[in-house]
Amino acid sequence: MKLWSEKTRLSESFMKTKKLVLSLWIFLILPSVVYSNIPTHSGMEKNFKETWRKSFPVPYAKILKRDLTGKGVLVYKKTPLKIVYIYTYLIFLPLYKENEELPQEIPGKGKEVRVKLFYEPSNPVEKFWIEFTEFDEQYNSKSVVRWIR
């Protein structure tokens, strides 16, 4: 009888340890693996340049600052299956004049512009798009908004 109760206690202890390890894995390790696949601001520059080229007729001069808030990438959960990652940049956009129907940059003149790059991995048509807006964390009170590095 003593042996059986000792085995039962060991079995229960093992199950508690197993549940603890599984819980830690689900809540700590799994999210870090999922979010480690999300590119950083520097990693998204290639996509930013490509999206800019497709969207606008004139190029920007350079990226002055990445991650304007210093908090990282904003994760906006529209629905449980639709997640949008928002990257912020400050760019220098030169002033252009038209020369024989081609844009020609005016040296030394331009403007600093705040830009958001949106990345929606689940969108089959357009995964990336750019908006010129002030940075605002108020998207939708019913959806989940959080920061990741």
N, C-alpha and C. Protein backbone atom coordinates (compact mmCIF):
# COMPACT_ATOMS: atom_id res chain seq x y z
N MET A 1 0.82 -1.19 0.00
CA MET A 1 0.00 0.00 0.00
C MET A 1 0.86 1.26 0.00
N LYS A 2 1.96 1.24 0.76
CA LYS A 2 2.86 2.36 0.82
C LYS A 2 3.50 2.62 -0.53
N LEU A 3 3.89 1.55 -1.19
CA LEU A 3 4.52 1.65 -2.50
C LEU A 3 3.57 2.25 -3.52
N TRP A 4 2.33 1.84 -3.48
CA TRP A 4 1.34 2.36 -4.42
C TRP A 4 1.11 3.86 -4.21
N SER A 5 1.00 4.30 -2.97
CA SER A 5 0.78 5.72 -2.69
C SER A 5 2.01 6.55 -3.07
N GLU A 6 3.20 5.98 -2.92
CA GLU A 6 4.42 6.69 -3.32
C GLU A 6 4.47 6.83 -4.85
N LYS A 7 4.10 5.79 -5.57
CA LYS A 7 4.06 5.85 -7.03
C LYS A 7 3.02 6.87 -7.49
N THR A 8 1.89 6.90 -6.82
CA THR A 8 0.84 7.85 -7.17
C THR A 8 1.32 9.28 -6.96
N ARG A 9 2.00 9.50 -5.84
CA ARG A 9 2.52 10.84 -5.55
C ARG A 9 3.55 11.25 -6.59
N LEU A 10 4.44 10.34 -6.96
CA LEU A 10 5.45 10.64 -7.99
C LEU A 10 4.78 10.92 -9.33
N SER A 11 3.77 10.13 -9.64
CA SER A 11 3.05 10.33 -10.90
C SER A 11 2.35 11.69 -10.92
N GLU A 12 1.73 12.06 -9.81
CA GLU A 12 1.07 13.37 -9.73
C GLU A 12 2.08 14.50 -9.82
N SER A 13 3.21 14.33 -9.17
CA SER A 13 4.27 15.34 -9.23
C SER A 13 4.80 15.49 -10.65
N PHE A 14 4.96 14.38 -11.34
CA PHE A 14 5.43 14.40 -12.72
C PHE A 14 4.42 15.12 -13.62
N MET A 15 3.14 14.86 -13.41
CA MET A 15 2.10 15.50 -14.21
C MET A 15 2.06 17.01 -13.97
N LYS A 16 2.24 17.42 -12.72
CA LYS A 16 2.27 18.85 -12.41
C LYS A 16 3.46 19.52 -13.09
N THR A 17 4.60 18.86 -13.05
CA THR A 17 5.80 19.40 -13.71
C THR A 17 5.59 19.47 -15.21
N LYS A 18 4.99 18.46 -15.76
CA LYS A 18 4.73 18.42 -17.20
C LYS A 18 3.78 19.56 -17.60
N LYS A 19 2.74 19.79 -16.80
CA LYS A 19 1.80 20.88 -17.08
C LYS A 19 2.49 22.23 -16.97
N LEU A 20 3.36 22.38 -15.98
CA LEU A 20 4.09 23.63 -15.79
C LEU A 20 4.99 23.92 -16.99
N VAL A 21 5.73 22.91 -17.43
CA VAL A 21 6.62 23.07 -18.58
C VAL A 21 5.82 23.41 -19.83
N LEU A 22 4.71 22.73 -20.03
CA LEU A 22 3.86 22.99 -21.19
C LEU A 22 3.29 24.41 -21.14
N SER A 23 2.85 24.83 -19.97
CA SER A 23 2.31 26.19 -19.83
C SER A 23 3.37 27.24 -20.11
N LEU A 24 4.57 27.04 -19.58
CA LEU A 24 5.66 27.97 -19.85
C LEU A 24 5.98 28.03 -21.33
N TRP A 25 5.99 26.90 -21.98
CA TRP A 25 6.28 26.85 -23.41
C TRP A 25 5.23 27.61 -24.21
N ILE A 26 3.97 27.39 -23.86
CA ILE A 26 2.87 28.04 -24.60
C ILE A 26 2.89 29.56 -24.39
N PHE A 27 3.08 30.01 -23.16
CA PHE A 27 2.95 31.44 -22.87
C PHE A 27 4.23 32.24 -23.02
N LEU A 28 5.39 31.60 -22.93
CA LEU A 28 6.63 32.36 -23.02
C LEU A 28 7.42 32.10 -24.30
N ILE A 29 7.61 30.85 -24.63
CA ILE A 29 8.48 30.52 -25.75
C ILE A 29 7.76 30.63 -27.08
N LEU A 30 6.57 30.11 -27.20
CA LEU A 30 5.84 30.14 -28.46
C LEU A 30 5.62 31.56 -29.00
N PRO A 31 5.16 32.52 -28.18
CA PRO A 31 5.00 33.88 -28.73
C PRO A 31 6.31 34.49 -29.21
N SER A 32 7.41 34.22 -28.53
CA SER A 32 8.68 34.78 -28.98
C SER A 32 9.11 34.18 -30.30
N VAL A 33 8.80 32.91 -30.55
CA VAL A 33 9.11 32.29 -31.83
C VAL A 33 8.26 32.91 -32.93
N VAL A 34 6.98 33.12 -32.67
CA VAL A 34 6.08 33.72 -33.66
C VAL A 34 6.52 35.14 -33.99
N TYR A 35 6.79 35.97 -32.99
CA TYR A 35 7.15 37.36 -33.24
C TYR A 35 8.59 37.52 -33.71
N SER A 36 9.43 36.52 -33.55
CA SER A 36 10.79 36.64 -34.07
C SER A 36 10.80 36.58 -35.58
N ASN A 37 9.72 36.09 -36.21
CA ASN A 37 9.62 36.05 -37.66
C ASN A 37 9.20 37.39 -38.25
N ILE A 38 8.76 38.32 -37.43
CA ILE A 38 8.34 39.63 -37.90
C ILE A 38 9.59 40.50 -38.07
N PRO A 39 9.80 41.04 -39.28
CA PRO A 39 11.01 41.85 -39.51
C PRO A 39 11.02 43.13 -38.70
N THR A 40 12.22 43.61 -38.41
CA THR A 40 12.39 44.88 -37.73
C THR A 40 12.25 46.01 -38.75
N HIS A 41 12.36 47.24 -38.27
CA HIS A 41 12.29 48.39 -39.18
C HIS A 41 13.38 48.32 -40.25
N SER A 42 14.59 47.98 -39.83
CA SER A 42 15.69 47.86 -40.80
C SER A 42 15.44 46.74 -41.79
N GLY A 43 14.88 45.64 -41.30
CA GLY A 43 14.58 44.51 -42.17
C GLY A 43 13.47 44.78 -43.17
N MET A 44 12.64 45.77 -42.88
CA MET A 44 11.53 46.11 -43.78
C MET A 44 11.89 47.18 -44.80
N GLU A 45 13.09 47.73 -44.74
CA GLU A 45 13.46 48.81 -45.65
C GLU A 45 13.37 48.40 -47.12
N LYS A 46 13.74 47.18 -47.42
CA LYS A 46 13.65 46.69 -48.81
C LYS A 46 12.20 46.74 -49.28
N ASN A 47 11.29 46.26 -48.45
CA ASN A 47 9.86 46.30 -48.79
C ASN A 47 9.33 47.73 -48.84
N PHE A 48 9.85 48.58 -47.96
CA PHE A 48 9.45 49.99 -47.96
C PHE A 48 9.84 50.65 -49.29
N LYS A 49 11.08 50.43 -49.71
CA LYS A 49 11.55 51.02 -50.98
C LYS A 49 10.74 50.51 -52.17
N GLU A 50 10.47 49.22 -52.19
CA GLU A 50 9.71 48.62 -53.29
C GLU A 50 8.27 49.14 -53.32
N THR A 51 7.64 49.23 -52.16
CA THR A 51 6.27 49.73 -52.07
C THR A 51 6.22 51.20 -52.48
N TRP A 52 7.21 51.97 -52.04
CA TRP A 52 7.28 53.38 -52.42
C TRP A 52 7.39 53.51 -53.94
N ARG A 53 8.27 52.74 -54.52
CA ARG A 53 8.49 52.80 -55.96
C ARG A 53 7.21 52.49 -56.74
N LYS A 54 6.44 51.52 -56.27
CA LYS A 54 5.18 51.15 -56.93
C LYS A 54 4.08 52.19 -56.72
N SER A 55 4.12 52.88 -55.58
CA SER A 55 3.02 53.77 -55.21
C SER A 55 3.19 55.22 -55.63
N PHE A 56 4.43 55.69 -55.73
CA PHE A 56 4.66 57.12 -55.95
C PHE A 56 5.61 57.35 -57.12
N PRO A 57 5.37 58.42 -57.89
CA PRO A 57 6.16 58.64 -59.11
C PRO A 57 7.57 59.17 -58.86
N VAL A 58 7.83 59.75 -57.70
CA VAL A 58 9.16 60.30 -57.42
C VAL A 58 9.78 59.61 -56.21
N PRO A 59 11.09 59.41 -56.21
CA PRO A 59 11.73 58.74 -55.07
C PRO A 59 11.95 59.69 -53.89
N TYR A 60 12.05 59.11 -52.71
CA TYR A 60 12.45 59.89 -51.54
C TYR A 60 13.97 59.89 -51.50
N ALA A 61 14.57 60.85 -50.80
CA ALA A 61 16.03 60.96 -50.77
C ALA A 61 16.64 59.94 -49.81
N LYS A 62 16.13 59.91 -48.57
CA LYS A 62 16.68 58.96 -47.60
C LYS A 62 15.75 58.82 -46.40
N ILE A 63 15.98 57.75 -45.67
CA ILE A 63 15.26 57.54 -44.41
C ILE A 63 16.06 58.23 -43.32
N LEU A 64 15.44 59.18 -42.64
CA LEU A 64 16.11 59.93 -41.58
C LEU A 64 16.04 59.21 -40.24
N LYS A 65 14.89 58.57 -39.98
CA LYS A 65 14.71 57.89 -38.69
C LYS A 65 13.75 56.73 -38.85
N ARG A 66 14.04 55.65 -38.15
CA ARG A 66 13.16 54.48 -38.10
C ARG A 66 12.55 54.41 -36.71
N ASP A 67 11.38 53.83 -36.60
CA ASP A 67 10.72 53.64 -35.31
C ASP A 67 10.56 54.97 -34.58
N LEU A 68 9.67 55.79 -35.05
CA LEU A 68 9.50 57.15 -34.53
C LEU A 68 9.13 57.21 -33.06
N THR A 69 8.40 56.23 -32.57
CA THR A 69 7.99 56.24 -31.16
C THR A 69 9.03 55.62 -30.25
N GLY A 70 9.93 54.83 -30.81
CA GLY A 70 10.92 54.13 -30.01
C GLY A 70 10.37 52.89 -29.32
N LYS A 71 9.14 52.50 -29.65
CA LYS A 71 8.51 51.35 -29.01
C LYS A 71 8.59 50.08 -29.84
N GLY A 72 8.95 50.19 -31.11
CA GLY A 72 9.02 49.02 -31.98
C GLY A 72 7.92 49.02 -33.02
N VAL A 73 7.48 47.82 -33.38
CA VAL A 73 6.45 47.64 -34.41
C VAL A 73 5.09 47.56 -33.72
N LEU A 74 4.13 48.28 -34.27
CA LEU A 74 2.77 48.25 -33.72
C LEU A 74 2.02 47.10 -34.36
N VAL A 75 1.45 46.23 -33.52
CA VAL A 75 0.67 45.10 -34.00
C VAL A 75 -0.80 45.44 -33.80
N TYR A 76 -1.54 45.46 -34.89
CA TYR A 76 -2.95 45.82 -34.87
C TYR A 76 -3.74 44.60 -35.34
N LYS A 77 -4.55 44.05 -34.46
CA LYS A 77 -5.32 42.85 -34.77
C LYS A 77 -6.73 43.25 -35.18
N LYS A 78 -6.98 43.26 -36.50
CA LYS A 78 -8.30 43.62 -37.02
C LYS A 78 -9.34 42.58 -36.63
N THR A 79 -9.03 41.33 -36.92
CA THR A 79 -9.86 40.18 -36.57
C THR A 79 -8.90 39.11 -36.06
N PRO A 80 -9.39 38.01 -35.53
CA PRO A 80 -8.47 36.96 -35.07
C PRO A 80 -7.54 36.44 -36.18
N LEU A 81 -7.96 36.53 -37.43
CA LEU A 81 -7.13 36.04 -38.52
C LEU A 81 -6.41 37.14 -39.29
N LYS A 82 -6.77 38.39 -39.08
CA LYS A 82 -6.15 39.50 -39.81
C LYS A 82 -5.34 40.36 -38.86
N ILE A 83 -4.03 40.29 -39.01
CA ILE A 83 -3.12 41.08 -38.19
C ILE A 83 -2.34 42.00 -39.12
N VAL A 84 -2.21 43.26 -38.71
CA VAL A 84 -1.45 44.24 -39.48
C VAL A 84 -0.30 44.74 -38.62
N TYR A 85 0.89 44.78 -39.21
CA TYR A 85 2.07 45.30 -38.54
C TYR A 85 2.35 46.68 -39.11
N ILE A 86 2.56 47.66 -38.23
CA ILE A 86 2.73 49.04 -38.68
C ILE A 86 4.14 49.53 -38.30
N TYR A 87 4.87 49.95 -39.31
CA TYR A 87 6.24 50.45 -39.17
C TYR A 87 6.22 51.95 -39.44
N THR A 88 6.96 52.72 -38.64
CA THR A 88 6.99 54.17 -38.84
C THR A 88 8.38 54.63 -39.27
N TYR A 89 8.39 55.58 -40.19
CA TYR A 89 9.65 56.13 -40.70
C TYR A 89 9.51 57.64 -40.85
N LEU A 90 10.63 58.33 -40.73
CA LEU A 90 10.73 59.74 -41.08
C LEU A 90 11.65 59.80 -42.28
N ILE A 91 11.14 60.31 -43.40
CA ILE A 91 11.94 60.34 -44.62
C ILE A 91 12.13 61.79 -45.06
N PHE A 92 13.14 61.99 -45.90
CA PHE A 92 13.33 63.30 -46.53
C PHE A 92 12.86 63.19 -47.96
N LEU A 93 11.85 63.98 -48.29
CA LEU A 93 11.28 63.99 -49.63
C LEU A 93 11.71 65.28 -50.32
N PRO A 94 12.56 65.18 -51.34
CA PRO A 94 13.04 66.39 -52.02
C PRO A 94 11.92 67.09 -52.78
N LEU A 95 12.12 68.36 -53.01
CA LEU A 95 11.20 69.13 -53.83
C LEU A 95 11.59 68.89 -55.29
N TYR A 96 10.60 68.69 -56.12
CA TYR A 96 10.85 68.40 -57.53
C TYR A 96 10.23 69.48 -58.40
N LYS A 97 10.83 69.69 -59.57
CA LYS A 97 10.22 70.53 -60.59
C LYS A 97 10.12 69.69 -61.86
N GLU A 98 9.22 70.10 -62.73
CA GLU A 98 9.02 69.34 -63.95
C GLU A 98 9.96 69.87 -65.03
N ASN A 99 10.71 68.98 -65.63
CA ASN A 99 11.63 69.34 -66.70
C ASN A 99 11.36 68.41 -67.87
N GLU A 100 10.68 68.93 -68.90
CA GLU A 100 10.31 68.13 -70.07
C GLU A 100 9.51 66.89 -69.64
N GLU A 101 8.54 67.12 -68.78
CA GLU A 101 7.63 66.09 -68.27
C GLU A 101 8.31 65.03 -67.40
N LEU A 102 9.54 65.28 -67.00
CA LEU A 102 10.24 64.39 -66.07
C LEU A 102 10.50 65.15 -64.78
N PRO A 103 10.32 64.51 -63.63
CA PRO A 103 10.61 65.21 -62.38
C PRO A 103 12.12 65.41 -62.21
N GLN A 104 12.48 66.61 -61.81
CA GLN A 104 13.89 66.90 -61.57
C GLN A 104 14.02 67.46 -60.15
N GLU A 105 14.89 66.87 -59.37
CA GLU A 105 15.07 67.26 -57.98
C GLU A 105 15.71 68.64 -57.89
N ILE A 106 15.19 69.47 -57.00
CA ILE A 106 15.79 70.77 -56.73
C ILE A 106 16.75 70.57 -55.56
N PRO A 107 18.05 70.71 -55.77
CA PRO A 107 19.04 70.43 -54.72
C PRO A 107 18.83 71.29 -53.47
N GLY A 108 18.92 70.64 -52.32
CA GLY A 108 18.85 71.33 -51.04
C GLY A 108 17.45 71.70 -50.57
N LYS A 109 16.44 71.42 -51.35
CA LYS A 109 15.07 71.76 -50.94
C LYS A 109 14.26 70.49 -50.79
N GLY A 110 13.41 70.49 -49.79
CA GLY A 110 12.57 69.33 -49.56
C GLY A 110 11.90 69.43 -48.21
N LYS A 111 11.34 68.31 -47.78
CA LYS A 111 10.56 68.30 -46.55
C LYS A 111 10.70 66.95 -45.84
N GLU A 112 10.71 66.99 -44.51
CA GLU A 112 10.68 65.76 -43.73
C GLU A 112 9.22 65.30 -43.63
N VAL A 113 8.99 64.03 -43.91
CA VAL A 113 7.63 63.49 -43.95
C VAL A 113 7.55 62.24 -43.08
N ARG A 114 6.50 62.16 -42.26
CA ARG A 114 6.24 60.95 -41.46
C ARG A 114 5.45 59.98 -42.30
N VAL A 115 5.91 58.74 -42.31
CA VAL A 115 5.31 57.72 -43.17
C VAL A 115 5.08 56.45 -42.36
N LYS A 116 3.96 55.79 -42.64
CA LYS A 116 3.69 54.48 -42.05
C LYS A 116 3.71 53.44 -43.16
N LEU A 117 4.41 52.34 -42.90
CA LEU A 117 4.37 51.18 -43.79
C LEU A 117 3.51 50.13 -43.10
N PHE A 118 2.46 49.70 -43.77
CA PHE A 118 1.56 48.68 -43.25
C PHE A 118 1.92 47.35 -43.89
N TYR A 119 1.98 46.30 -43.05
CA TYR A 119 2.29 44.96 -43.54
C TYR A 119 1.22 44.02 -43.03
N GLU A 120 0.45 43.45 -43.97
CA GLU A 120 -0.60 42.50 -43.62
C GLU A 120 -0.28 41.18 -44.31
N PRO A 121 0.39 40.24 -43.60
CA PRO A 121 0.83 38.99 -44.22
C PRO A 121 -0.29 38.14 -44.79
N SER A 122 -1.50 38.24 -44.24
CA SER A 122 -2.60 37.38 -44.69
C SER A 122 -3.32 37.92 -45.93
N ASN A 123 -2.98 39.13 -46.35
CA ASN A 123 -3.64 39.73 -47.52
C ASN A 123 -3.05 39.13 -48.80
N PRO A 124 -3.86 38.42 -49.59
CA PRO A 124 -3.33 37.78 -50.79
C PRO A 124 -3.03 38.75 -51.94
N VAL A 125 -3.65 39.92 -51.92
CA VAL A 125 -3.48 40.87 -53.03
C VAL A 125 -2.38 41.89 -52.75
N GLU A 126 -2.49 42.59 -51.65
CA GLU A 126 -1.55 43.66 -51.33
C GLU A 126 -1.09 43.54 -49.88
N LYS A 127 0.11 43.00 -49.70
CA LYS A 127 0.65 42.80 -48.36
C LYS A 127 1.20 44.08 -47.75
N PHE A 128 1.66 45.02 -48.60
CA PHE A 128 2.29 46.26 -48.13
C PHE A 128 1.58 47.47 -48.72
N TRP A 129 1.43 48.52 -47.91
CA TRP A 129 0.98 49.81 -48.42
C TRP A 129 1.52 50.90 -47.51
N ILE A 130 1.56 52.12 -48.05
CA ILE A 130 2.14 53.26 -47.35
C ILE A 130 1.08 54.34 -47.17
N GLU A 131 1.10 54.98 -45.99
CA GLU A 131 0.21 56.11 -45.72
C GLU A 131 1.02 57.25 -45.12
N PHE A 132 0.64 58.47 -45.47
CA PHE A 132 1.23 59.67 -44.88
C PHE A 132 0.26 60.16 -43.82
N THR A 133 0.52 59.85 -42.58
CA THR A 133 -0.37 60.29 -41.51
C THR A 133 0.44 60.53 -40.26
N GLU A 134 -0.15 61.27 -39.35
CA GLU A 134 0.45 61.42 -38.03
C GLU A 134 0.35 60.08 -37.33
N PHE A 135 1.23 59.85 -36.40
CA PHE A 135 1.20 58.57 -35.72
C PHE A 135 0.17 58.61 -34.61
N ASP A 136 -0.77 57.66 -34.64
CA ASP A 136 -1.87 57.61 -33.69
C ASP A 136 -2.09 56.17 -33.28
N GLU A 137 -2.08 55.92 -32.00
CA GLU A 137 -2.28 54.55 -31.51
C GLU A 137 -3.76 54.19 -31.38
N GLN A 138 -4.65 55.13 -31.56
CA GLN A 138 -6.08 54.87 -31.41
C GLN A 138 -6.65 54.33 -32.72
N TYR A 139 -6.71 53.03 -32.87
CA TYR A 139 -7.22 52.44 -34.10
C TYR A 139 -8.66 51.98 -33.95
N ASN A 140 -8.88 51.10 -33.03
CA ASN A 140 -10.23 50.59 -32.83
C ASN A 140 -10.27 50.05 -31.41
N SER A 141 -11.18 50.54 -30.62
CA SER A 141 -11.22 50.13 -29.21
C SER A 141 -11.56 48.66 -29.02
N LYS A 142 -12.15 48.03 -30.04
CA LYS A 142 -12.53 46.62 -29.92
C LYS A 142 -11.41 45.68 -30.36
N SER A 143 -10.38 46.19 -31.00
CA SER A 143 -9.31 45.31 -31.48
C SER A 143 -8.09 45.41 -30.57
N VAL A 144 -7.20 44.46 -30.74
CA VAL A 144 -6.01 44.38 -29.91
C VAL A 144 -4.89 45.18 -30.57
N VAL A 145 -4.30 46.09 -29.81
CA VAL A 145 -3.17 46.87 -30.29
C VAL A 145 -2.06 46.71 -29.28
N ARG A 146 -0.87 46.33 -29.75
CA ARG A 146 0.27 46.21 -28.83
C ARG A 146 1.57 46.42 -29.60
N TRP A 147 2.65 46.57 -28.88
CA TRP A 147 3.96 46.83 -29.47
C TRP A 147 4.83 45.60 -29.36
N ILE A 148 5.63 45.35 -30.39
CA ILE A 148 6.66 44.32 -30.31
C ILE A 148 7.96 44.93 -30.79
N ARG A 149 9.04 44.41 -30.33
CA ARG A 149 10.36 44.93 -30.73
C ARG A 149 10.86 44.23 -31.94
